[in-house]
N, C-alpha and C. Protein backbone atom coordinates (compact mmCIF):
# COMPACT_ATOMS: atom_id res chain seq x y z
N UNK A 1 -6.91 -4.26 2.47
CA UNK A 1 -6.79 -4.20 1.03
C UNK A 1 -6.31 -5.55 0.53
N UNK A 2 -6.21 -5.71 -0.72
CA UNK A 2 -5.85 -6.98 -1.33
C UNK A 2 -4.34 -7.19 -1.34
N UNK A 3 -3.89 -8.45 -1.38
CA UNK A 3 -2.45 -8.70 -1.44
C UNK A 3 -1.87 -8.25 -2.78
N UNK A 4 -0.60 -7.99 -2.75
CA UNK A 4 0.14 -7.62 -3.95
C UNK A 4 1.27 -8.63 -4.10
N UNK A 5 1.95 -8.58 -5.21
CA UNK A 5 3.01 -9.55 -5.43
C UNK A 5 4.31 -8.87 -5.80
N UNK A 6 5.38 -9.41 -5.30
CA UNK A 6 6.73 -8.98 -5.63
C UNK A 6 7.26 -9.98 -6.63
N UNK A 7 7.55 -9.51 -7.84
CA UNK A 7 8.00 -10.42 -8.88
C UNK A 7 9.50 -10.36 -8.97
N UNK A 8 10.15 -11.50 -8.91
CA UNK A 8 11.60 -11.58 -8.92
C UNK A 8 12.05 -12.03 -10.29
N UNK A 9 13.19 -11.56 -10.74
CA UNK A 9 13.72 -11.86 -12.07
C UNK A 9 13.65 -13.36 -12.36
N UNK A 10 13.32 -13.70 -13.61
CA UNK A 10 13.10 -15.09 -13.99
C UNK A 10 14.29 -15.98 -13.72
N UNK A 11 15.48 -15.48 -13.94
CA UNK A 11 16.63 -16.34 -13.72
C UNK A 11 16.97 -16.47 -12.25
N UNK A 12 16.24 -15.85 -11.38
CA UNK A 12 16.36 -16.07 -9.93
C UNK A 12 15.33 -17.10 -9.52
N UNK A 13 15.30 -18.19 -10.26
CA UNK A 13 14.42 -19.33 -10.01
C UNK A 13 12.95 -19.01 -10.25
N UNK A 14 12.65 -17.87 -10.88
CA UNK A 14 11.28 -17.52 -11.21
C UNK A 14 10.39 -17.42 -9.99
N UNK A 15 10.99 -17.19 -8.83
CA UNK A 15 10.24 -17.18 -7.59
C UNK A 15 9.35 -15.95 -7.50
N UNK A 16 8.20 -16.11 -6.93
CA UNK A 16 7.32 -14.99 -6.63
C UNK A 16 7.13 -14.96 -5.12
N UNK A 17 7.37 -13.82 -4.52
CA UNK A 17 7.18 -13.68 -3.08
C UNK A 17 5.87 -12.94 -2.86
N UNK A 18 4.99 -13.45 -2.02
CA UNK A 18 3.70 -12.82 -1.76
C UNK A 18 3.87 -11.50 -1.04
N UNK A 19 3.02 -10.56 -1.39
CA UNK A 19 3.06 -9.24 -0.77
C UNK A 19 1.63 -8.83 -0.45
N UNK A 20 1.51 -7.91 0.47
CA UNK A 20 0.22 -7.30 0.70
C UNK A 20 0.44 -5.82 0.86
N UNK A 21 -0.47 -5.05 0.31
CA UNK A 21 -0.27 -3.61 0.35
C UNK A 21 -1.61 -2.90 0.33
N UNK A 22 -1.54 -1.66 0.73
CA UNK A 22 -2.70 -0.80 0.70
C UNK A 22 -2.38 0.34 -0.25
N UNK A 23 -3.40 1.09 -0.68
CA UNK A 23 -3.11 2.22 -1.54
C UNK A 23 -2.26 3.24 -0.80
N UNK A 24 -1.70 4.18 -1.54
CA UNK A 24 -0.83 5.20 -0.94
C UNK A 24 -1.54 5.87 0.22
N UNK A 25 -0.84 6.04 1.35
CA UNK A 25 -1.44 6.68 2.51
C UNK A 25 -1.67 8.16 2.24
N UNK A 26 -2.59 8.77 2.99
CA UNK A 26 -2.90 10.18 2.84
C UNK A 26 -1.68 11.04 3.17
N UNK A 27 -0.94 10.68 4.21
CA UNK A 27 0.28 11.41 4.52
C UNK A 27 1.45 10.64 3.97
N UNK A 28 2.57 11.33 3.76
CA UNK A 28 3.69 10.69 3.08
C UNK A 28 4.40 9.65 3.94
N UNK A 29 4.57 9.87 5.20
CA UNK A 29 5.29 8.91 6.04
C UNK A 29 4.34 7.89 6.61
N UNK A 30 4.79 6.66 6.69
CA UNK A 30 4.02 5.58 7.27
C UNK A 30 4.67 5.25 8.60
N UNK A 31 3.91 5.27 9.71
CA UNK A 31 4.55 5.00 10.99
C UNK A 31 5.08 3.57 11.06
N UNK A 32 6.26 3.43 11.64
CA UNK A 32 6.85 2.11 11.85
C UNK A 32 6.17 1.46 13.04
N UNK A 33 6.12 0.13 13.07
CA UNK A 33 5.56 -0.55 14.23
C UNK A 33 6.33 -0.16 15.49
N UNK A 34 5.64 -0.12 16.61
CA UNK A 34 6.27 0.25 17.88
C UNK A 34 7.50 -0.60 18.13
N UNK A 35 8.58 0.05 18.49
CA UNK A 35 9.81 -0.65 18.81
C UNK A 35 10.61 -1.09 17.59
N UNK A 36 10.10 -0.88 16.38
CA UNK A 36 10.79 -1.35 15.17
C UNK A 36 11.62 -0.26 14.52
N UNK A 37 11.38 1.00 14.89
CA UNK A 37 12.09 2.09 14.24
C UNK A 37 13.56 2.09 14.61
N UNK A 38 14.39 2.36 13.62
CA UNK A 38 15.82 2.51 13.83
C UNK A 38 16.19 3.91 13.39
N UNK A 39 17.21 4.49 13.98
CA UNK A 39 17.63 5.82 13.54
C UNK A 39 17.97 5.81 12.05
N UNK A 40 17.53 6.84 11.32
CA UNK A 40 17.83 6.94 9.90
C UNK A 40 16.99 6.04 9.02
N UNK A 41 15.98 5.37 9.57
CA UNK A 41 15.12 4.47 8.81
C UNK A 41 13.73 5.09 8.73
N UNK A 42 13.14 5.06 7.54
CA UNK A 42 11.83 5.67 7.34
C UNK A 42 10.99 4.75 6.47
N UNK A 43 9.70 4.67 6.74
CA UNK A 43 8.80 3.88 5.91
C UNK A 43 7.91 4.80 5.10
N UNK A 44 7.80 4.51 3.80
CA UNK A 44 6.99 5.28 2.87
C UNK A 44 6.25 4.33 1.94
N UNK A 45 5.25 4.86 1.25
CA UNK A 45 4.61 4.10 0.18
C UNK A 45 5.55 4.15 -1.03
N UNK A 46 5.61 3.08 -1.80
CA UNK A 46 6.50 3.00 -2.96
C UNK A 46 6.31 4.16 -3.93
N UNK A 47 5.12 4.73 -3.99
CA UNK A 47 4.86 5.85 -4.90
C UNK A 47 5.66 7.09 -4.53
N UNK A 48 6.24 7.12 -3.34
CA UNK A 48 7.01 8.28 -2.90
C UNK A 48 8.52 8.09 -3.02
N UNK A 49 8.95 6.97 -3.57
CA UNK A 49 10.37 6.70 -3.71
C UNK A 49 11.02 7.62 -4.75
N UNK A 50 12.31 7.87 -4.55
CA UNK A 50 13.11 8.62 -5.51
C UNK A 50 14.25 7.72 -5.99
N UNK A 51 14.66 7.86 -7.23
CA UNK A 51 15.77 7.03 -7.71
C UNK A 51 16.97 7.11 -6.77
N UNK A 52 17.51 5.93 -6.45
CA UNK A 52 18.64 5.86 -5.54
C UNK A 52 18.25 5.60 -4.10
N UNK A 53 16.94 5.57 -3.78
CA UNK A 53 16.53 5.23 -2.42
C UNK A 53 16.86 3.77 -2.16
N UNK A 54 17.46 3.50 -1.01
CA UNK A 54 17.86 2.14 -0.64
C UNK A 54 16.85 1.55 0.34
N UNK A 55 16.55 0.26 0.16
CA UNK A 55 15.49 -0.41 0.91
C UNK A 55 16.01 -1.65 1.61
N UNK A 56 15.55 -1.85 2.82
CA UNK A 56 15.79 -3.10 3.55
C UNK A 56 14.73 -3.20 4.63
N UNK A 57 14.18 -4.36 4.81
CA UNK A 57 14.39 -5.59 4.04
C UNK A 57 13.70 -5.48 2.68
N UNK A 58 13.79 -6.58 1.91
CA UNK A 58 13.11 -6.60 0.61
C UNK A 58 11.63 -6.33 0.87
N UNK A 59 11.04 -5.38 0.15
CA UNK A 59 9.64 -5.03 0.42
C UNK A 59 8.71 -6.23 0.30
N UNK A 60 7.79 -6.33 1.24
CA UNK A 60 6.75 -7.35 1.21
C UNK A 60 5.40 -6.72 0.90
N UNK A 61 5.42 -5.41 0.64
CA UNK A 61 4.23 -4.67 0.27
C UNK A 61 4.69 -3.39 -0.41
N UNK A 62 3.75 -2.53 -0.71
CA UNK A 62 4.11 -1.25 -1.29
C UNK A 62 4.50 -0.24 -0.22
N UNK A 63 4.50 -0.65 1.03
CA UNK A 63 5.09 0.15 2.11
C UNK A 63 6.51 -0.36 2.24
N UNK A 64 7.47 0.53 1.96
CA UNK A 64 8.87 0.16 1.92
C UNK A 64 9.63 0.86 3.03
N UNK A 65 10.74 0.24 3.45
CA UNK A 65 11.58 0.81 4.49
C UNK A 65 12.84 1.37 3.86
N UNK A 66 13.02 2.68 3.97
CA UNK A 66 14.21 3.35 3.45
C UNK A 66 15.31 3.30 4.49
N UNK A 67 16.54 3.22 4.00
CA UNK A 67 17.68 3.25 4.90
C UNK A 67 18.87 3.85 4.18
N UNK A 68 19.94 4.06 4.88
CA UNK A 68 21.16 4.60 4.31
C UNK A 68 21.76 3.59 3.32
N UNK A 69 22.17 4.09 2.17
CA UNK A 69 22.79 3.22 1.16
C UNK A 69 24.18 2.76 1.59
N UNK A 70 24.76 3.41 2.58
CA UNK A 70 26.08 3.01 3.05
C UNK A 70 26.03 1.75 3.92
N UNK A 71 24.84 1.38 4.36
CA UNK A 71 24.63 0.16 5.14
C UNK A 71 24.16 -0.95 4.21
N UNK A 72 24.39 -2.22 4.56
CA UNK A 72 23.87 -3.32 3.72
C UNK A 72 22.35 -3.20 3.55
N UNK A 73 21.88 -3.35 2.31
CA UNK A 73 20.46 -3.23 2.02
C UNK A 73 20.07 -4.22 0.93
N UNK A 74 18.78 -4.48 0.83
CA UNK A 74 18.27 -5.51 -0.08
C UNK A 74 18.09 -5.03 -1.51
N UNK A 75 17.71 -3.77 -1.70
CA UNK A 75 17.37 -3.28 -3.03
C UNK A 75 17.55 -1.78 -3.10
N UNK A 76 17.62 -1.28 -4.33
CA UNK A 76 17.68 0.15 -4.56
C UNK A 76 16.64 0.51 -5.62
N UNK A 77 15.82 1.49 -5.31
CA UNK A 77 14.77 1.92 -6.22
C UNK A 77 15.37 2.66 -7.41
N UNK A 78 14.86 2.36 -8.62
CA UNK A 78 15.37 3.01 -9.82
C UNK A 78 14.32 3.89 -10.49
N UNK A 79 13.14 3.34 -10.77
CA UNK A 79 12.16 4.05 -11.57
C UNK A 79 10.82 3.31 -11.52
N UNK A 80 9.86 3.81 -12.29
CA UNK A 80 8.58 3.10 -12.45
C UNK A 80 8.40 2.76 -13.91
N UNK A 81 7.51 1.82 -14.13
CA UNK A 81 7.08 1.44 -15.47
C UNK A 81 5.59 1.18 -15.40
N UNK A 82 4.82 1.83 -16.26
CA UNK A 82 3.38 1.59 -16.31
C UNK A 82 3.12 0.54 -17.39
N UNK A 83 2.64 -0.60 -16.94
CA UNK A 83 2.35 -1.71 -17.85
C UNK A 83 1.18 -1.28 -18.75
N UNK A 84 1.26 -1.52 -20.05
CA UNK A 84 0.17 -1.12 -20.95
C UNK A 84 -1.18 -1.69 -20.52
N UNK A 85 -2.22 -0.90 -20.77
CA UNK A 85 -3.58 -1.32 -20.44
C UNK A 85 -3.94 -2.52 -21.30
N UNK A 86 -4.38 -3.57 -20.65
CA UNK A 86 -4.73 -4.82 -21.31
C UNK A 86 -5.49 -5.67 -20.30
N UNK A 87 -6.11 -6.75 -20.76
CA UNK A 87 -6.72 -7.67 -19.79
C UNK A 87 -5.64 -8.21 -18.86
N UNK A 88 -6.04 -8.62 -17.66
CA UNK A 88 -5.10 -9.17 -16.68
C UNK A 88 -4.23 -10.24 -17.33
N UNK A 89 -2.89 -10.06 -17.34
CA UNK A 89 -2.03 -11.02 -18.02
C UNK A 89 -1.68 -12.25 -17.19
N UNK A 90 -2.00 -12.25 -15.91
CA UNK A 90 -1.57 -13.32 -15.01
C UNK A 90 -0.29 -12.89 -14.30
N UNK A 91 -0.05 -13.48 -13.12
CA UNK A 91 1.10 -13.08 -12.29
C UNK A 91 2.42 -13.23 -13.02
N UNK A 92 2.65 -14.39 -13.60
CA UNK A 92 3.94 -14.65 -14.24
C UNK A 92 4.17 -13.73 -15.43
N UNK A 93 3.14 -13.58 -16.27
CA UNK A 93 3.27 -12.71 -17.44
C UNK A 93 3.42 -11.25 -17.03
N UNK A 94 2.72 -10.82 -15.98
CA UNK A 94 2.86 -9.45 -15.49
C UNK A 94 4.28 -9.22 -15.00
N UNK A 95 4.84 -10.18 -14.30
CA UNK A 95 6.21 -10.06 -13.83
C UNK A 95 7.17 -9.91 -14.99
N UNK A 96 6.98 -10.70 -16.03
CA UNK A 96 7.85 -10.61 -17.21
C UNK A 96 7.67 -9.26 -17.90
N UNK A 97 6.43 -8.79 -18.04
CA UNK A 97 6.18 -7.48 -18.66
C UNK A 97 6.86 -6.37 -17.85
N UNK A 98 6.75 -6.45 -16.54
CA UNK A 98 7.35 -5.43 -15.67
C UNK A 98 8.87 -5.43 -15.80
N UNK A 99 9.48 -6.60 -15.76
CA UNK A 99 10.94 -6.68 -15.88
C UNK A 99 11.40 -6.16 -17.24
N UNK A 100 10.67 -6.54 -18.30
CA UNK A 100 11.02 -6.08 -19.64
C UNK A 100 10.86 -4.56 -19.76
N UNK A 101 9.84 -4.01 -19.10
CA UNK A 101 9.64 -2.56 -19.12
C UNK A 101 10.62 -1.82 -18.25
N UNK A 102 11.00 -2.42 -17.13
CA UNK A 102 11.94 -1.78 -16.21
C UNK A 102 13.37 -1.80 -16.75
N UNK A 103 13.79 -2.91 -17.32
CA UNK A 103 15.20 -3.12 -17.67
C UNK A 103 15.81 -1.96 -18.46
N UNK A 104 15.20 -1.48 -19.54
CA UNK A 104 15.85 -0.40 -20.30
C UNK A 104 15.81 0.95 -19.59
N UNK A 105 15.03 1.07 -18.54
CA UNK A 105 14.91 2.33 -17.80
C UNK A 105 15.89 2.41 -16.63
N UNK A 106 16.56 1.31 -16.32
CA UNK A 106 17.48 1.26 -15.20
C UNK A 106 18.75 2.03 -15.55
N UNK A 107 19.16 2.94 -14.70
CA UNK A 107 20.39 3.72 -14.91
C UNK A 107 21.38 3.34 -13.82
N UNK A 108 22.18 2.34 -14.11
CA UNK A 108 23.14 1.81 -13.14
C UNK A 108 24.42 2.63 -13.11
N UNK A 109 25.08 2.66 -11.96
CA UNK A 109 26.43 3.15 -11.87
C UNK A 109 27.26 2.16 -12.69
N UNK A 110 27.93 2.60 -13.76
CA UNK A 110 28.58 1.65 -14.68
C UNK A 110 29.45 0.59 -14.01
N UNK A 111 30.30 0.98 -13.08
CA UNK A 111 31.19 0.01 -12.45
C UNK A 111 30.48 -0.90 -11.46
N UNK A 112 29.20 -0.65 -11.18
CA UNK A 112 28.43 -1.49 -10.26
C UNK A 112 27.43 -2.39 -10.99
N UNK A 113 27.29 -2.27 -12.31
CA UNK A 113 26.26 -2.96 -13.08
C UNK A 113 26.37 -4.49 -13.03
N UNK A 114 27.58 -5.00 -13.05
CA UNK A 114 27.79 -6.45 -13.07
C UNK A 114 27.17 -7.11 -11.83
N UNK A 115 26.45 -8.20 -12.06
CA UNK A 115 25.87 -8.96 -10.95
C UNK A 115 24.54 -8.43 -10.44
N UNK A 116 23.97 -7.43 -11.12
CA UNK A 116 22.68 -6.88 -10.70
C UNK A 116 21.57 -7.36 -11.63
N UNK A 117 20.37 -7.36 -11.11
CA UNK A 117 19.19 -7.69 -11.89
C UNK A 117 18.03 -6.82 -11.43
N UNK A 118 16.88 -6.97 -12.07
CA UNK A 118 15.70 -6.16 -11.80
C UNK A 118 14.64 -6.98 -11.07
N UNK A 119 14.05 -6.36 -10.08
CA UNK A 119 12.88 -6.89 -9.38
C UNK A 119 11.81 -5.81 -9.49
N UNK A 120 10.56 -6.20 -9.64
CA UNK A 120 9.48 -5.22 -9.76
C UNK A 120 8.37 -5.51 -8.77
N UNK A 121 7.97 -4.47 -8.05
CA UNK A 121 6.76 -4.55 -7.23
C UNK A 121 5.61 -4.27 -8.19
N UNK A 122 4.66 -5.19 -8.29
CA UNK A 122 3.57 -5.06 -9.26
C UNK A 122 2.21 -5.24 -8.58
N UNK A 123 1.16 -4.68 -9.20
CA UNK A 123 -0.19 -4.84 -8.63
C UNK A 123 -0.70 -6.26 -8.80
N UNK A 124 -1.71 -6.58 -8.06
CA UNK A 124 -2.34 -7.89 -8.18
C UNK A 124 -3.62 -7.77 -9.01
N UNK A 125 -4.16 -8.88 -9.37
CA UNK A 125 -5.31 -8.93 -10.26
C UNK A 125 -6.48 -8.08 -9.77
N UNK A 126 -6.74 -8.08 -8.46
CA UNK A 126 -7.88 -7.32 -7.93
C UNK A 126 -7.75 -5.82 -8.18
N UNK A 127 -6.54 -5.33 -8.37
CA UNK A 127 -6.32 -3.91 -8.59
C UNK A 127 -6.15 -3.56 -10.07
N UNK A 128 -6.17 -4.57 -10.92
CA UNK A 128 -5.95 -4.41 -12.34
C UNK A 128 -7.25 -4.07 -13.04
N UNK A 129 -7.34 -3.21 -14.01
CA UNK A 129 -6.30 -2.43 -14.65
C UNK A 129 -6.14 -1.04 -14.07
N UNK A 130 -6.89 -0.72 -13.01
CA UNK A 130 -6.81 0.63 -12.44
C UNK A 130 -5.38 0.97 -12.02
N UNK A 131 -4.70 0.03 -11.39
CA UNK A 131 -3.31 0.22 -10.97
C UNK A 131 -2.43 -0.68 -11.82
N UNK A 132 -1.57 -0.07 -12.63
CA UNK A 132 -0.70 -0.83 -13.52
C UNK A 132 0.77 -0.45 -13.35
N UNK A 133 1.08 0.32 -12.32
CA UNK A 133 2.46 0.78 -12.11
C UNK A 133 3.31 -0.30 -11.47
N UNK A 134 4.47 -0.55 -12.08
CA UNK A 134 5.49 -1.43 -11.52
C UNK A 134 6.59 -0.54 -10.96
N UNK A 135 7.06 -0.85 -9.76
CA UNK A 135 8.16 -0.12 -9.13
C UNK A 135 9.42 -0.95 -9.33
N UNK A 136 10.38 -0.40 -10.07
CA UNK A 136 11.57 -1.11 -10.51
C UNK A 136 12.70 -0.98 -9.49
N UNK A 137 13.20 -2.12 -9.04
CA UNK A 137 14.26 -2.16 -8.04
C UNK A 137 15.47 -2.90 -8.59
N UNK A 138 16.66 -2.42 -8.24
CA UNK A 138 17.90 -3.13 -8.54
C UNK A 138 18.25 -4.00 -7.35
N UNK A 139 18.61 -5.24 -7.61
CA UNK A 139 19.02 -6.18 -6.56
C UNK A 139 20.22 -6.97 -7.07
N UNK A 140 20.94 -7.59 -6.14
CA UNK A 140 22.02 -8.48 -6.55
C UNK A 140 21.41 -9.76 -7.11
N UNK A 141 21.93 -10.23 -8.22
CA UNK A 141 21.41 -11.44 -8.87
C UNK A 141 21.59 -12.66 -7.99
N UNK A 142 22.60 -12.66 -7.13
CA UNK A 142 22.84 -13.81 -6.26
C UNK A 142 22.04 -13.75 -4.96
N UNK A 143 21.20 -12.72 -4.81
CA UNK A 143 20.37 -12.59 -3.63
C UNK A 143 21.07 -11.94 -2.45
N UNK A 144 22.33 -11.58 -2.59
CA UNK A 144 23.07 -10.94 -1.50
C UNK A 144 22.65 -9.49 -1.31
N UNK A 145 23.26 -8.87 -0.32
CA UNK A 145 22.94 -7.48 -0.01
C UNK A 145 23.84 -6.53 -0.80
N UNK A 146 23.31 -5.35 -1.05
CA UNK A 146 24.05 -4.28 -1.68
C UNK A 146 24.66 -3.41 -0.59
N UNK A 147 25.78 -2.79 -0.88
CA UNK A 147 26.36 -1.76 -0.02
C UNK A 147 26.80 -0.65 -0.94
N UNK A 148 26.32 0.55 -0.70
CA UNK A 148 26.61 1.67 -1.57
C UNK A 148 25.58 1.75 -2.69
N UNK A 149 25.59 2.88 -3.39
CA UNK A 149 24.61 3.12 -4.45
C UNK A 149 24.97 2.36 -5.71
N UNK A 150 23.94 1.86 -6.41
CA UNK A 150 24.12 1.19 -7.69
C UNK A 150 23.32 1.88 -8.80
N UNK A 151 22.45 2.81 -8.43
CA UNK A 151 21.61 3.55 -9.38
C UNK A 151 22.11 4.99 -9.44
N UNK A 152 22.20 5.52 -10.67
CA UNK A 152 22.61 6.92 -10.86
C UNK A 152 21.50 7.85 -10.44
């Protein structure tokens, strides 16, 4: 399938990390590579995430690795945002649209809100406009790891 892109908040140096993903698998669980599985770790397609699911490492595709929120992790899933139907806006503009759409939908644990920002997994041009869903993730603004839940 075609690559996808992980868009990082603009004030995090506006960096875009390349991703590649396939459409949602027929079964819900995605097998981990041989020897890579850890106890309590599960891989799923992003479409199967529930608010508060903790992820590590930072997803490089729409196949994400779930783990215990009590362990250090890269991100926590919050919600989705469907970008309005329009001509392909370009990677940078799509990232901005996704962050703007995700931000008001984020339900943070109030005492954990400080120092967090939004990252969105977004489709790439080849999948546009059929796939317009952005998967909204909470991450530390300084790029560090989270420990414990930050999403209600």
